[in-house]
């Protein structure tokens, strides 16, 4: 079975830090996600807002991967 883009392990790596708030640049967030899908980035932003953390770099690679998976699954 072919992995969807958001399930690929390389997507779990985020390098540039971003402040988590309602005004996040969705194009930049999508780029961090390894995607061009701003709708998926909006879903991730909503998940990030619910975590209570201030910056994207506050997440471990494993936590980031889980958030990417959850954001991708919400599209189903």
C-alpha atoms as a PDB file:
ATOM      1  CA  UNK A   1       0.000   0.000   0.000  1.00  0.00           C
ATOM      2  CA  UNK A   2       1.405   3.375  -0.992  1.00  0.00           C
ATOM      3  CA  UNK A   3       1.918   5.803   1.887  1.00  0.00           C
ATOM      4  CA  UNK A   4       0.081   9.069   1.706  1.00  0.00           C
ATOM      5  CA  UNK A   5       2.317  12.137   1.716  1.00  0.00           C
ATOM      6  CA  UNK A   6       1.583  13.015   5.352  1.00  0.00           C
ATOM      7  CA  UNK A   7       2.513   9.487   6.513  1.00  0.00           C
ATOM      8  CA  UNK A   8       6.057   9.618   5.196  1.00  0.00           C
ATOM      9  CA  UNK A   9       8.665   9.711   8.014  1.00  0.00           C
ATOM     10  CA  UNK A  10      10.595  12.547   6.391  1.00  0.00           C
ATOM     11  CA  UNK A  11       7.532  14.754   6.900  1.00  0.00           C
ATOM     12  CA  UNK A  12       8.036  14.384  10.674  1.00  0.00           C
ATOM     13  CA  UNK A  13      11.081  16.639  10.594  1.00  0.00           C
ATOM     14  CA  UNK A  14      10.407  20.292  11.157  1.00  0.00           C
ATOM     15  CA  UNK A  15      13.301  22.668  11.202  1.00  0.00           C
ATOM     16  CA  UNK A  16      12.092  26.250  11.177  1.00  0.00           C
ATOM     17  CA  UNK A  17      10.332  27.432  14.311  1.00  0.00           C
ATOM     18  CA  UNK A  18       7.050  29.268  14.124  1.00  0.00           C
ATOM     19  CA  UNK A  19       4.997  31.003  16.758  1.00  0.00           C
ATOM     20  CA  UNK A  20       1.709  29.166  17.254  1.00  0.00           C
ATOM     21  CA  UNK A  21      -1.254  31.533  16.963  1.00  0.00           C
ATOM     22  CA  UNK A  22      -4.403  32.144  14.929  1.00  0.00           C
ATOM     23  CA  UNK A  23      -2.450  34.261  12.423  1.00  0.00           C
ATOM     24  CA  UNK A  24       0.067  31.584  11.433  1.00  0.00           C
ATOM     25  CA  UNK A  25       1.118  31.782   7.794  1.00  0.00           C
ATOM     26  CA  UNK A  26      -0.557  28.656   6.418  1.00  0.00           C
ATOM     27  CA  UNK A  27       1.698  28.536   3.357  1.00  0.00           C
ATOM     28  CA  UNK A  28       4.778  28.560   5.598  1.00  0.00           C
ATOM     29  CA  UNK A  29       3.234  25.943   7.885  1.00  0.00           C
ATOM     30  CA  UNK A  30       2.416  23.766   4.870  1.00  0.00           C
ATOM     31  CA  UNK A  31       6.042  24.053   3.780  1.00  0.00           C
ATOM     32  CA  UNK A  32       7.162  22.933   7.255  1.00  0.00           C
ATOM     33  CA  UNK A  33       4.807  20.000   6.855  1.00  0.00           C
ATOM     34  CA  UNK A  34       6.419  19.070   3.543  1.00  0.00           C
ATOM     35  CA  UNK A  35       3.230  19.904   1.700  1.00  0.00           C
ATOM     36  CA  UNK A  36       1.586  22.629  -0.359  1.00  0.00           C
ATOM     37  CA  UNK A  37      -1.868  21.917   1.076  1.00  0.00           C
ATOM     38  CA  UNK A  38      -2.962  24.967   3.065  1.00  0.00           C
ATOM     39  CA  UNK A  39      -6.221  23.243   4.077  1.00  0.00           C
ATOM     40  CA  UNK A  40      -4.170  20.536   5.794  1.00  0.00           C
ATOM     41  CA  UNK A  41      -1.998  23.280   7.319  1.00  0.00           C
ATOM     42  CA  UNK A  42      -5.150  24.934   8.694  1.00  0.00           C
ATOM     43  CA  UNK A  43      -6.147  21.641  10.326  1.00  0.00           C
ATOM     44  CA  UNK A  44      -2.651  21.343  11.815  1.00  0.00           C
ATOM     45  CA  UNK A  45      -2.830  24.942  13.065  1.00  0.00           C
ATOM     46  CA  UNK A  46      -6.075  24.115  14.873  1.00  0.00           C
ATOM     47  CA  UNK A  47      -4.418  21.095  16.492  1.00  0.00           C
ATOM     48  CA  UNK A  48      -1.386  23.169  17.464  1.00  0.00           C
ATOM     49  CA  UNK A  49      -3.579  25.841  19.054  1.00  0.00           C
ATOM     50  CA  UNK A  50      -5.112  23.156  21.261  1.00  0.00           C
ATOM     51  CA  UNK A  51      -1.773  22.032  22.664  1.00  0.00           C
ATOM     52  CA  UNK A  52      -1.019  25.108  24.743  1.00  0.00           C
ATOM     53  CA  UNK A  53       2.535  25.321  23.387  1.00  0.00           C
ATOM     54  CA  UNK A  54       3.972  28.534  22.021  1.00  0.00           C
ATOM     55  CA  UNK A  55       6.253  27.450  19.167  1.00  0.00           C
ATOM     56  CA  UNK A  56       6.399  24.608  16.649  1.00  0.00           C
ATOM     57  CA  UNK A  57       9.933  23.691  17.687  1.00  0.00           C
ATOM     58  CA  UNK A  58       8.565  22.809  21.153  1.00  0.00           C
ATOM     59  CA  UNK A  59       7.463  19.445  19.729  1.00  0.00           C
ATOM     60  CA  UNK A  60       9.640  16.363  19.450  1.00  0.00           C
ATOM     61  CA  UNK A  61       9.855  14.672  16.058  1.00  0.00           C
ATOM     62  CA  UNK A  62       7.497  11.959  17.281  1.00  0.00           C
ATOM     63  CA  UNK A  63       4.943  14.487  18.547  1.00  0.00           C
ATOM     64  CA  UNK A  64       5.156  16.423  15.282  1.00  0.00           C
ATOM     65  CA  UNK A  65       4.616  13.232  13.271  1.00  0.00           C
ATOM     66  CA  UNK A  66       1.532  12.392  15.344  1.00  0.00           C
ATOM     67  CA  UNK A  67       0.104  15.867  14.738  1.00  0.00           C
ATOM     68  CA  UNK A  68       0.732  15.514  10.979  1.00  0.00           C
ATOM     69  CA  UNK A  69      -1.060  12.173  10.951  1.00  0.00           C
ATOM     70  CA  UNK A  70      -4.018  13.571  12.879  1.00  0.00           C
ATOM     71  CA  UNK A  71      -4.254  16.592  10.551  1.00  0.00           C
ATOM     72  CA  UNK A  72      -4.157  14.279   7.522  1.00  0.00           C
ATOM     73  CA  UNK A  73      -6.765  11.921   8.957  1.00  0.00           C
ATOM     74  CA  UNK A  74      -9.208  14.784   9.514  1.00  0.00           C
ATOM     75  CA  UNK A  75      -9.383  15.140   5.725  1.00  0.00           C
ATOM     76  CA  UNK A  76     -11.023  11.723   5.367  1.00  0.00           C
END
